[in-house]
Amino acid sequence: MTKRVLIAGFKHETNTFSKLPTDIDAYRKRALHFGGDIRAAYTGTNTEIAGFLDTCEKYGWEPVLSVVADATPSGRVTREAFETVSGHILETIDKEGVPDAILLQLHGAMVTQDHDDGESALLSLIRGKTGRDVPIGVTHDLHANVTDLTAELCDVLVSYRTYPHIDMHETAARCTELVARMLGGEIDPVVTVLRGPQLDGVDHGRTTAPGPMRDILALADQLTREHDLLSASVNAGFPWADVDYAGPSVIVVAGRDNRGAGIAADALRAELWRTREVMTIAPVSARQAVAEARETGRLGAPFIIADFADNPGGGGYGDATGLLRAMIAAELEDAALSALYDPESVAACAAAGEGADIELQLGGKLEPSLGAPIAARGQVIGLHDGAFKLEGPMSTGLALDLGPVAVFRTGGIDVVLASNRAQNYDRQFFAAFGIDPLKKRILALKSAQHFRADYAPIASGIAVVDEGGGITSHNFAALDYKHLRRPIWPLDDVSDAEALQG
């Protein structure tokens, strides 16, 4: 008899220091698909949903498509948004009947108005409908903050192994293969999660250069072989969440009677702690980055400047002006920035019309303390609807929409102004709006690390700016944590003995 497998996605990486609530409209702006629309939106893309669909086809399962919701990182998910999306999943189960298995695309760092642990809240609701006998396979982002309850409520839990995240489809396939083995009666898995007293670690998960994340993944593979594990994942954690359990963790999936699971998890947790201070990048000031860019960038091989501290991909507002101010002060030529979140300036450009010379107050509107608006005169050189498809290695083929977009040229700098917040990790953030990245000497991005997947191959050099002022800065001491477990590194002194006990 054909197996019926429910597929759903409900993702959010919640920056609890953001004052922007994540409401249902935030999901509509990025991704909110129901039922049959899911197949059209995700088939052929490098996403977990596509991976689930492809593996269902491989096994001849009937996919029961419920909802896929994803919003740009920001503040807590509102009660309405959580109830709308989770309610649709429960409604699907009511209408279609309890499935043979469930595959869920989750992030692992969702915080809602009512739940510090949004993933376990969702899983608890689903288990209330299905009971414990229905296998549930879950995928997580590499930057998940994983709780014990989430591990208890699912049967399979696997995370990405790359940052930039280019293995979403592959991760879903690994998850689904284990669920298939459950349905075949071959395995009876248990999920174990361990974390230590640290807020950040493994170089924040970077895998684009040799370093602690690559090393610990190699160790995870070795331990998987030695202890006959089903899966071993390492999460760098999401430190911009003021919740008790934030920080790096390790996940081991193994047979119920496999005593090696605990040994492996302990070894991986020890490695998390041992390498906690190792970093493969050295952030610089905006002024330093601009100076290096002027010397190094050239047509055909632009210099890339990434604004780490104002990264919308981690919940940053995307409208901080420190980097742009430094670029304007340096009177750069053949430069571009994408994208500055500024709906007001987009509207002003649209009202003035393409080709108009106007003065704008650029950026700095959500939190002026992170960079006040910049008074700039320039020309509107393009107006666009903001919709495009990603072509780079990350989320290839996925549709994205920045809302109405204006390209504003001030001096020698083209500024892409967007009406929706989004992290720039694809060259289409320029190309879709008439800017050829290879015809600029300097490209400035609102991003932290994901940009490397598509931009590193063309870059003459890269600088990461973190001046400690944004809500995605690594200056954790500047953030007002109230609910985080303490003591915790690097905010507190923690001994090796304290870190490795238990």
Protein backbone atom coordinates (compact mmCIF):
# COMPACT_ATOMS: atom_id res chain seq x y z
CA MET A 1 0.00 0.00 0.00
CA THR A 2 1.33 3.46 -0.94
CA LYS A 3 2.72 5.41 1.99
CA ARG A 4 1.23 8.85 2.53
CA VAL A 5 3.81 11.37 3.77
CA LEU A 6 2.89 14.85 4.96
CA ILE A 7 5.33 17.59 3.91
CA ALA A 8 5.41 21.01 5.55
CA GLY A 9 7.82 23.82 6.34
CA PHE A 10 7.71 26.48 9.04
CA LYS A 11 10.96 28.40 9.37
CA HIS A 12 12.19 31.41 11.25
CA GLU A 13 15.51 32.51 12.71
CA THR A 14 14.37 34.85 15.45
CA ASN A 15 16.57 37.71 16.62
CA THR A 16 14.95 38.59 19.93
CA PHE A 17 16.79 41.93 19.98
CA SER A 18 14.90 43.10 16.90
CA LYS A 19 11.91 45.36 17.43
CA LEU A 20 10.30 44.14 14.19
CA PRO A 21 7.61 41.53 14.96
CA THR A 22 7.42 38.63 12.53
CA ASP A 23 3.75 38.68 11.53
CA ILE A 24 1.93 36.75 8.85
CA ASP A 25 2.66 39.52 6.35
CA ALA A 26 6.39 38.92 6.89
CA TYR A 27 5.80 35.35 5.67
CA ARG A 28 3.80 36.53 2.69
CA LYS A 29 6.69 38.79 1.69
CA ARG A 30 9.16 35.90 1.54
CA ALA A 31 7.41 32.53 1.28
CA LEU A 32 3.91 31.35 2.16
CA HIS A 33 2.63 28.51 -0.03
CA PHE A 34 -0.25 26.12 0.49
CA GLY A 35 -1.18 22.72 -0.91
CA GLY A 36 -0.58 22.22 -4.60
CA ASP A 37 1.19 25.59 -4.94
CA ILE A 38 4.11 24.12 -3.00
CA ARG A 39 5.15 21.84 -5.84
CA ALA A 40 5.23 24.70 -8.34
CA ALA A 41 7.23 26.92 -5.98
CA TYR A 42 9.92 24.39 -5.03
CA THR A 43 10.33 21.75 -7.73
CA GLY A 44 13.83 21.91 -9.16
CA THR A 45 15.21 24.17 -6.42
CA ASN A 46 18.04 23.60 -3.98
CA THR A 47 15.74 23.47 -0.95
CA GLU A 48 14.63 20.96 1.65
CA ILE A 49 11.11 20.89 0.24
CA ALA A 50 12.45 19.90 -3.19
CA GLY A 51 14.55 17.24 -1.47
CA PHE A 52 11.49 15.86 0.31
CA LEU A 53 9.50 15.78 -2.93
CA ASP A 54 12.27 14.08 -4.88
CA THR A 55 12.77 11.40 -2.24
CA CYS A 56 9.03 10.75 -2.05
CA GLU A 57 9.10 10.13 -5.79
CA LYS A 58 12.05 7.78 -5.36
CA TYR A 59 10.13 5.63 -2.88
CA GLY A 60 6.77 5.89 -4.58
CA TRP A 61 5.22 7.69 -1.63
CA GLU A 62 2.22 9.99 -1.98
CA PRO A 63 3.19 13.47 -0.73
CA VAL A 64 0.50 15.26 1.26
CA LEU A 65 1.39 18.93 0.81
CA SER A 66 0.34 21.21 3.65
CA VAL A 67 2.09 24.60 4.00
CA VAL A 68 5.57 26.06 3.58
CA ALA A 69 6.24 29.31 5.43
CA ASP A 70 9.53 31.20 5.68
CA ALA A 71 10.16 34.79 6.77
CA THR A 72 13.28 36.95 6.81
CA PRO A 73 14.91 36.86 10.27
CA SER A 74 13.49 39.50 12.62
CA GLY A 75 11.80 39.67 16.02
CA ARG A 76 9.49 37.17 17.72
CA VAL A 77 6.89 35.40 15.59
CA THR A 78 3.47 36.78 16.44
CA ARG A 79 0.74 34.63 17.92
CA GLU A 80 -1.38 35.08 14.79
CA ALA A 81 1.43 33.97 12.48
CA PHE A 82 2.28 30.92 14.59
CA GLU A 83 -1.35 29.87 14.91
CA THR A 84 -2.03 30.44 11.21
CA VAL A 85 0.82 28.25 9.99
CA SER A 86 0.69 25.57 12.67
CA GLY A 87 -3.10 25.53 12.42
CA HIS A 88 -2.89 24.78 8.71
CA ILE A 89 -0.64 21.78 9.37
CA LEU A 90 -3.10 20.46 11.96
CA GLU A 91 -5.99 21.12 9.59
CA THR A 92 -4.24 19.10 6.89
CA ILE A 93 -3.98 16.15 9.28
CA ASP A 94 -7.67 16.51 10.18
CA LYS A 95 -8.76 16.64 6.54
CA GLU A 96 -6.37 14.10 5.02
CA GLY A 97 -6.10 11.72 7.95
CA VAL A 98 -3.05 10.78 10.00
CA PRO A 99 -0.20 10.16 7.52
CA ASP A 100 2.29 7.30 7.57
CA ALA A 101 5.12 9.77 8.17
CA ILE A 102 5.80 13.51 8.41
CA LEU A 103 8.69 15.48 6.94
CA LEU A 104 9.22 18.97 8.36
CA GLN A 105 11.49 21.77 7.15
CA LEU A 106 12.21 23.78 10.31
CA HIS A 107 14.95 26.24 11.20
CA GLY A 108 15.64 25.44 14.83
CA ALA A 109 15.82 29.03 16.10
CA MET A 110 12.18 30.14 16.13
CA VAL A 111 11.00 32.18 19.11
CA THR A 112 7.36 33.23 19.26
CA GLN A 113 5.31 35.58 21.41
CA ASP A 114 4.23 32.63 23.54
CA HIS A 115 7.05 30.10 23.13
CA ASP A 116 10.80 30.53 23.52
CA ASP A 117 11.12 27.22 21.68
CA GLY A 118 8.86 27.54 18.65
CA GLU A 119 9.91 24.22 17.10
CA SER A 120 8.96 22.10 20.10
CA ALA A 121 5.69 24.02 20.44
CA LEU A 122 4.86 23.07 16.84
CA LEU A 123 5.97 19.46 17.29
CA SER A 124 3.89 19.14 20.46
CA LEU A 125 0.78 20.23 18.57
CA ILE A 126 1.48 17.75 15.79
CA ARG A 127 2.14 14.90 18.22
CA GLY A 128 -1.19 15.75 19.83
CA LYS A 129 -2.81 14.79 16.51
CA THR A 130 -0.65 11.84 15.48
CA GLY A 131 0.52 10.23 18.70
CA ARG A 132 4.02 8.79 19.02
CA ASP A 133 3.80 6.06 16.38
CA VAL A 134 4.04 8.27 13.27
CA PRO A 135 7.68 8.85 12.26
CA ILE A 136 8.61 12.53 12.11
CA GLY A 137 11.75 13.61 10.29
CA VAL A 138 12.99 17.17 10.78
CA THR A 139 15.65 19.23 9.04
CA HIS A 140 17.39 22.12 10.79
CA ASP A 141 19.53 25.04 9.75
CA LEU A 142 23.17 24.83 10.82
CA HIS A 143 22.45 27.81 13.11
CA ALA A 144 19.73 26.09 15.09
CA ASN A 145 19.40 26.43 18.87
CA VAL A 146 18.26 22.87 19.55
CA THR A 147 16.34 21.91 22.68
CA ASP A 148 15.98 18.58 24.46
CA LEU A 149 12.22 18.68 23.90
CA THR A 150 12.61 19.06 20.13
CA ALA A 151 14.93 16.04 20.14
CA GLU A 152 12.39 14.06 22.16
CA LEU A 153 9.43 14.90 19.93
CA CYS A 154 10.95 13.90 16.58
CA ASP A 155 12.46 10.61 15.42
CA VAL A 156 15.04 11.95 12.97
CA LEU A 157 16.77 15.34 13.20
CA VAL A 158 19.52 16.39 10.79
CA SER A 159 21.12 19.77 10.10
CA TYR A 160 22.89 21.40 7.18
CA ARG A 161 26.63 20.78 6.95
CA THR A 162 27.60 23.89 4.97
CA TYR A 163 27.79 27.63 5.60
CA PRO A 164 26.98 29.22 3.19
CA HIS A 165 24.07 26.78 3.14
CA ILE A 166 24.28 24.99 -0.18
CA ASP A 167 23.24 21.49 0.93
CA MET A 168 19.55 21.98 1.73
CA HIS A 169 18.35 19.43 -0.84
CA GLU A 170 20.99 16.96 0.32
CA THR A 171 20.05 17.45 3.98
CA ALA A 172 16.41 16.69 3.22
CA ALA A 173 17.44 13.55 1.35
CA ARG A 174 19.49 12.33 4.34
CA CYS A 175 16.55 12.95 6.64
CA THR A 176 14.09 11.18 4.36
CA GLU A 177 16.33 8.15 3.88
CA LEU A 178 16.27 7.55 7.64
CA VAL A 179 12.49 7.95 7.74
CA ALA A 180 12.26 5.41 4.92
CA ARG A 181 14.28 2.97 7.00
CA MET A 182 11.88 3.55 9.89
CA LEU A 183 8.87 2.85 7.70
CA GLY A 184 10.58 -0.34 6.54
CA GLY A 185 11.02 -1.49 10.13
CA GLU A 186 14.80 -1.45 9.77
CA ILE A 187 15.64 1.11 12.49
CA ASP A 188 14.17 2.50 15.71
CA PRO A 189 16.07 5.77 16.19
CA VAL A 190 16.54 8.04 19.18
CA VAL A 191 17.74 11.65 18.94
CA THR A 192 20.32 12.90 21.46
CA VAL A 193 21.27 16.58 21.75
CA LEU A 194 24.03 18.08 23.91
CA ARG A 195 25.18 21.65 24.40
CA GLY A 196 27.76 23.35 26.58
CA PRO A 197 28.11 26.71 28.36
CA GLN A 198 28.94 28.65 25.22
CA LEU A 199 27.02 31.17 23.16
CA ASP A 200 29.02 30.88 19.94
CA GLY A 201 31.53 28.46 18.49
CA VAL A 202 33.02 26.47 15.60
CA ASP A 203 33.80 29.73 13.79
CA HIS A 204 30.03 30.35 13.65
CA GLY A 205 29.84 27.33 11.33
CA ARG A 206 31.90 28.61 8.38
CA THR A 207 32.89 25.91 5.90
CA THR A 208 34.41 28.00 3.10
CA ALA A 209 37.91 27.64 4.53
CA PRO A 210 39.79 25.11 6.68
CA GLY A 211 38.86 25.62 10.30
CA PRO A 212 36.99 24.26 13.32
CA MET A 213 33.69 23.56 11.57
CA ARG A 214 35.29 21.44 8.88
CA ASP A 215 37.34 19.65 11.52
CA ILE A 216 34.41 18.83 13.77
CA LEU A 217 32.37 17.58 10.81
CA ALA A 218 35.24 15.24 9.95
CA LEU A 219 35.19 14.05 13.56
CA ALA A 220 31.43 13.56 13.35
CA ASP A 221 31.91 11.37 10.27
CA GLN A 222 34.61 9.35 12.04
CA LEU A 223 32.44 8.83 15.12
CA THR A 224 29.49 7.87 12.92
CA ARG A 225 31.55 5.03 11.47
CA GLU A 226 33.11 3.96 14.76
CA HIS A 227 29.85 3.86 16.72
CA ASP A 228 27.46 2.84 13.95
CA LEU A 229 25.45 6.04 14.24
CA LEU A 230 22.64 6.90 11.86
CA SER A 231 23.53 10.59 11.76
CA ALA A 232 25.65 13.18 13.56
CA SER A 233 25.03 16.91 13.14
CA VAL A 234 26.81 19.96 14.50
CA ASN A 235 24.98 23.25 15.03
CA ALA A 236 26.87 26.51 15.42
CA GLY A 237 23.82 27.98 17.14
CA PHE A 238 22.18 31.37 16.80
CA PRO A 239 23.58 33.71 19.47
CA TRP A 240 21.26 36.67 18.85
CA ALA A 241 18.42 34.98 20.71
CA ASP A 242 17.88 35.77 24.37
CA VAL A 243 16.66 32.31 25.34
CA ASP A 244 18.03 29.90 27.90
CA TYR A 245 19.34 27.28 25.46
CA ALA A 246 20.96 29.50 22.77
CA GLY A 247 24.32 28.37 21.44
CA PRO A 248 26.13 25.53 19.68
CA SER A 249 24.95 21.96 20.03
CA VAL A 250 25.52 18.48 18.67
CA ILE A 251 22.81 16.08 17.50
CA VAL A 252 23.28 12.33 17.33
CA VAL A 253 20.70 9.99 15.81
CA ALA A 254 21.26 6.33 16.65
CA GLY A 255 19.46 3.08 17.32
CA ARG A 256 17.63 2.92 20.62
CA ASP A 257 20.12 0.50 22.17
CA ASN A 258 23.27 2.08 20.75
CA ARG A 259 25.44 3.02 23.73
CA GLY A 260 27.95 4.68 21.45
CA ALA A 261 25.57 7.59 20.86
CA GLY A 262 26.37 9.19 24.21
CA ILE A 263 30.11 8.66 23.76
CA ALA A 264 30.01 10.32 20.34
CA ALA A 265 27.89 13.23 21.54
CA ASP A 266 30.25 13.87 24.46
CA ALA A 267 33.28 13.86 22.15
CA LEU A 268 31.67 16.33 19.77
CA ARG A 269 30.59 18.62 22.60
CA ALA A 270 34.16 18.60 23.93
CA GLU A 271 35.40 19.64 20.48
CA LEU A 272 32.87 22.48 20.39
CA TRP A 273 34.38 23.80 23.59
CA ARG A 274 38.03 23.20 22.67
CA THR A 275 37.79 25.24 19.45
CA ARG A 276 35.46 27.98 20.72
CA GLU A 277 37.93 30.84 20.21
CA VAL A 278 39.14 29.91 16.72
CA MET A 279 37.99 32.32 14.00
CA THR A 280 38.86 32.26 10.31
CA ILE A 281 37.88 35.87 9.62
CA ALA A 282 39.07 39.15 11.11
CA PRO A 283 36.35 41.83 10.92
CA VAL A 284 37.45 45.39 10.17
CA SER A 285 35.98 48.87 10.34
CA ALA A 286 34.06 50.34 7.42
CA ARG A 287 36.86 52.84 6.83
CA GLN A 288 39.47 50.07 6.66
CA ALA A 289 37.32 48.02 4.29
CA VAL A 290 36.74 50.95 1.94
CA ALA A 291 40.45 51.81 1.89
CA GLU A 292 41.37 48.24 0.96
CA ALA A 293 38.61 48.12 -1.66
CA ARG A 294 39.92 51.26 -3.38
CA GLU A 295 43.34 49.68 -3.76
CA THR A 296 42.24 46.18 -4.75
CA GLY A 297 38.91 46.23 -6.59
CA ARG A 298 38.89 46.20 -10.37
CA LEU A 299 36.43 45.73 -13.20
CA GLY A 300 35.84 42.04 -13.76
CA ALA A 301 37.00 41.21 -10.23
CA PRO A 302 35.23 43.47 -7.73
CA PHE A 303 36.23 43.84 -4.10
CA ILE A 304 33.44 42.63 -1.80
CA ILE A 305 32.55 44.42 1.45
CA ALA A 306 30.07 42.57 3.67
CA ASP A 307 28.17 44.42 6.41
CA PHE A 308 28.15 41.71 9.09
CA ALA A 309 26.66 43.77 11.92
CA ASP A 310 23.57 44.75 9.89
CA ASN A 311 22.85 41.42 8.22
CA PRO A 312 19.12 40.90 7.51
CA GLY A 313 19.90 37.17 7.33
CA GLY A 314 20.46 37.26 11.10
CA GLY A 315 17.70 39.69 11.95
CA GLY A 316 19.53 42.94 11.20
CA TYR A 317 17.37 45.83 10.03
CA GLY A 318 19.23 46.22 6.75
CA ASP A 319 19.10 50.02 6.92
CA ALA A 320 22.18 50.89 8.98
CA THR A 321 24.22 53.52 7.19
CA GLY A 322 27.76 53.23 8.55
CA LEU A 323 29.19 51.38 5.56
CA LEU A 324 27.42 53.52 2.97
CA ARG A 325 28.55 56.68 4.78
CA ALA A 326 32.18 55.50 4.58
CA MET A 327 31.77 54.73 0.88
CA ILE A 328 30.35 58.18 0.14
CA ALA A 329 33.04 59.91 2.21
CA ALA A 330 35.72 58.08 0.22
CA GLU A 331 34.14 59.30 -3.04
CA LEU A 332 34.21 55.81 -4.51
CA GLU A 333 33.66 55.25 -8.22
CA ASP A 334 32.30 52.15 -9.96
CA ALA A 335 30.74 50.96 -6.70
CA ALA A 336 27.35 49.53 -5.74
CA LEU A 337 25.51 48.53 -2.57
CA SER A 338 22.62 46.07 -2.29
CA ALA A 339 20.26 46.20 -0.66
CA LEU A 340 19.47 49.07 1.72
CA TYR A 341 16.04 48.60 3.29
CA ASP A 342 14.27 51.94 2.81
CA PRO A 343 10.64 51.82 1.60
CA GLU A 344 10.29 55.60 2.07
CA SER A 345 13.15 56.37 -0.29
CA VAL A 346 11.82 53.83 -2.81
CA ALA A 347 8.48 55.64 -2.78
CA ALA A 348 10.20 59.01 -3.20
CA CYS A 349 12.15 57.68 -6.20
CA ALA A 350 8.98 56.25 -7.75
CA ALA A 351 7.18 59.57 -7.29
CA ALA A 352 10.06 61.48 -8.89
CA GLY A 353 10.39 59.03 -11.76
CA GLU A 354 13.30 57.38 -13.53
CA GLY A 355 15.98 59.87 -14.52
CA ALA A 356 15.01 62.42 -11.86
CA ASP A 357 17.61 64.24 -9.78
CA ILE A 358 16.48 64.30 -6.15
CA GLU A 359 17.74 64.46 -2.59
CA LEU A 360 16.98 61.57 -0.23
CA GLN A 361 17.44 60.71 3.41
CA LEU A 362 18.94 57.26 2.92
CA GLY A 363 18.46 54.52 5.52
CA GLY A 364 18.73 54.88 9.27
CA LYS A 365 15.00 55.03 9.84
CA LEU A 366 14.37 51.93 11.97
CA GLU A 367 17.16 52.47 14.48
CA PRO A 368 19.07 55.74 13.89
CA SER A 369 21.46 54.89 16.74
CA LEU A 370 22.92 52.21 14.45
CA GLY A 371 23.56 54.79 11.73
CA ALA A 372 21.52 57.91 11.11
CA PRO A 373 19.95 58.72 7.72
CA ILE A 374 22.34 60.09 5.11
CA ALA A 375 21.34 63.21 3.19
CA ALA A 376 22.38 62.42 -0.38
CA ARG A 377 21.65 63.98 -3.75
CA GLY A 378 21.64 61.81 -6.82
CA GLN A 379 19.71 60.36 -9.74
CA VAL A 380 17.03 57.70 -9.96
CA ILE A 381 18.50 55.34 -12.54
CA GLY A 382 16.02 52.48 -12.25
CA LEU A 383 12.63 51.42 -10.88
CA HIS A 384 11.80 47.71 -10.58
CA ASP A 385 9.14 45.39 -9.16
CA GLY A 386 11.76 43.55 -7.05
CA ALA A 387 10.87 39.96 -8.00
CA PHE A 388 13.61 37.64 -9.27
CA LYS A 389 14.93 34.08 -9.05
CA LEU A 390 18.17 33.10 -7.37
CA GLU A 391 20.81 31.71 -9.71
CA GLY A 392 23.75 31.13 -7.35
CA PRO A 393 24.62 27.96 -5.40
CA MET A 394 22.41 28.80 -2.42
CA SER A 395 18.68 28.11 -2.86
CA THR A 396 19.15 27.88 -6.63
CA GLY A 397 15.94 28.54 -8.54
CA LEU A 398 14.02 29.91 -5.57
CA ALA A 399 11.92 33.04 -6.15
CA LEU A 400 12.61 36.11 -4.03
CA ASP A 401 10.82 39.46 -3.87
CA LEU A 402 12.32 42.67 -2.50
CA GLY A 403 9.08 44.55 -3.17
CA PRO A 404 9.30 47.78 -5.15
CA VAL A 405 12.96 48.60 -5.77
CA ALA A 406 14.74 51.78 -6.83
CA VAL A 407 18.36 52.16 -7.91
CA PHE A 408 19.71 55.52 -6.78
CA ARG A 409 23.08 56.82 -7.96
CA THR A 410 24.89 59.19 -5.66
CA GLY A 411 28.36 60.14 -6.85
CA GLY A 412 29.95 56.96 -8.17
CA ILE A 413 27.83 54.63 -6.05
CA ASP A 414 24.68 52.81 -7.18
CA VAL A 415 22.48 52.04 -4.17
CA VAL A 416 19.77 49.39 -4.49
CA LEU A 417 16.89 50.54 -2.27
CA ALA A 418 14.42 47.81 -1.32
CA SER A 419 10.95 47.70 0.22
CA ASN A 420 11.47 44.24 1.75
CA ARG A 421 14.39 43.14 3.93
CA ALA A 422 16.64 40.37 2.64
CA GLN A 423 20.22 39.21 2.90
CA ASN A 424 22.30 39.53 -0.27
CA TYR A 425 23.76 36.10 -1.08
CA ASP A 426 23.26 36.02 -4.85
CA ARG A 427 24.55 38.20 -7.68
CA GLN A 428 20.95 38.65 -8.80
CA PHE A 429 20.63 41.22 -5.98
CA PHE A 430 22.47 43.45 -8.44
CA ALA A 431 21.88 41.91 -11.86
CA ALA A 432 18.08 41.79 -11.53
CA PHE A 433 18.12 45.58 -11.20
CA GLY A 434 20.36 46.39 -14.14
CA ILE A 435 23.72 46.35 -12.34
CA ASP A 436 26.34 43.99 -13.75
CA PRO A 437 28.51 42.92 -10.76
CA LEU A 438 31.51 42.40 -13.06
CA LYS A 439 31.30 46.01 -14.24
CA LYS A 440 31.81 47.39 -10.74
CA ARG A 441 35.09 47.68 -8.87
CA ILE A 442 33.46 47.50 -5.43
CA LEU A 443 30.35 45.69 -4.26
CA ALA A 444 28.91 46.27 -0.78
CA LEU A 445 26.47 43.71 0.61
CA LYS A 446 24.18 43.38 3.59
CA SER A 447 25.37 39.88 4.50
CA ALA A 448 27.62 37.95 6.89
CA GLN A 449 28.84 34.76 5.20
CA HIS A 450 26.28 33.41 2.72
CA PHE A 451 27.48 35.84 0.04
CA ARG A 452 30.70 33.84 -0.35
CA ALA A 453 28.93 31.06 -2.25
CA ASP A 454 28.21 33.27 -5.26
CA TYR A 455 30.55 36.24 -4.86
CA ALA A 456 33.84 34.65 -3.78
CA PRO A 457 34.50 33.18 -7.27
CA ILE A 458 34.55 36.67 -8.81
CA ALA A 459 36.12 38.63 -5.93
CA SER A 460 39.54 40.26 -5.97
CA GLY A 461 39.27 40.50 -2.20
CA ILE A 462 36.76 40.36 0.66
CA ALA A 463 36.37 42.41 3.83
CA VAL A 464 33.82 41.83 6.57
CA VAL A 465 32.71 44.90 8.51
CA ASP A 466 31.65 44.56 12.14
CA GLU A 467 31.95 47.78 14.10
CA GLY A 468 29.95 46.38 16.98
CA GLY A 469 26.90 48.54 16.55
CA GLY A 470 24.31 46.29 14.93
CA ILE A 471 22.03 43.64 16.35
CA THR A 472 23.91 40.95 14.43
CA SER A 473 27.33 42.05 15.68
CA HIS A 474 29.68 39.61 17.38
CA ASN A 475 30.02 42.12 20.21
CA PHE A 476 27.69 40.04 22.39
CA ALA A 477 28.56 42.04 25.51
CA ALA A 478 26.70 45.01 24.00
CA LEU A 479 23.42 43.04 23.94
CA ASP A 480 21.12 42.95 26.96
CA TYR A 481 20.68 39.23 27.64
CA LYS A 482 18.15 38.56 30.39
CA HIS A 483 17.12 34.91 29.90
CA LEU A 484 20.31 33.22 28.69
CA ARG A 485 21.71 30.50 30.97
CA ARG A 486 24.70 31.72 32.96
CA PRO A 487 27.60 31.41 33.30
CA ILE A 488 28.26 31.21 29.58
CA TRP A 489 31.29 31.92 27.38
CA PRO A 490 32.25 34.52 26.16
CA LEU A 491 30.13 36.65 28.50
CA ASP A 492 31.47 34.89 31.61
CA ASP A 493 34.56 33.04 32.74
CA VAL A 494 33.95 29.29 32.43
CA SER A 495 36.55 26.67 33.29
CA ASP A 496 37.23 23.58 31.22
CA ALA A 497 36.00 21.43 34.10
CA GLU A 498 32.70 23.33 34.26
CA ALA A 499 32.26 23.17 30.50
CA LEU A 500 32.82 19.44 30.15
CA GLN A 501 31.02 18.16 33.23
CA GLY A 502 27.95 15.99 32.67
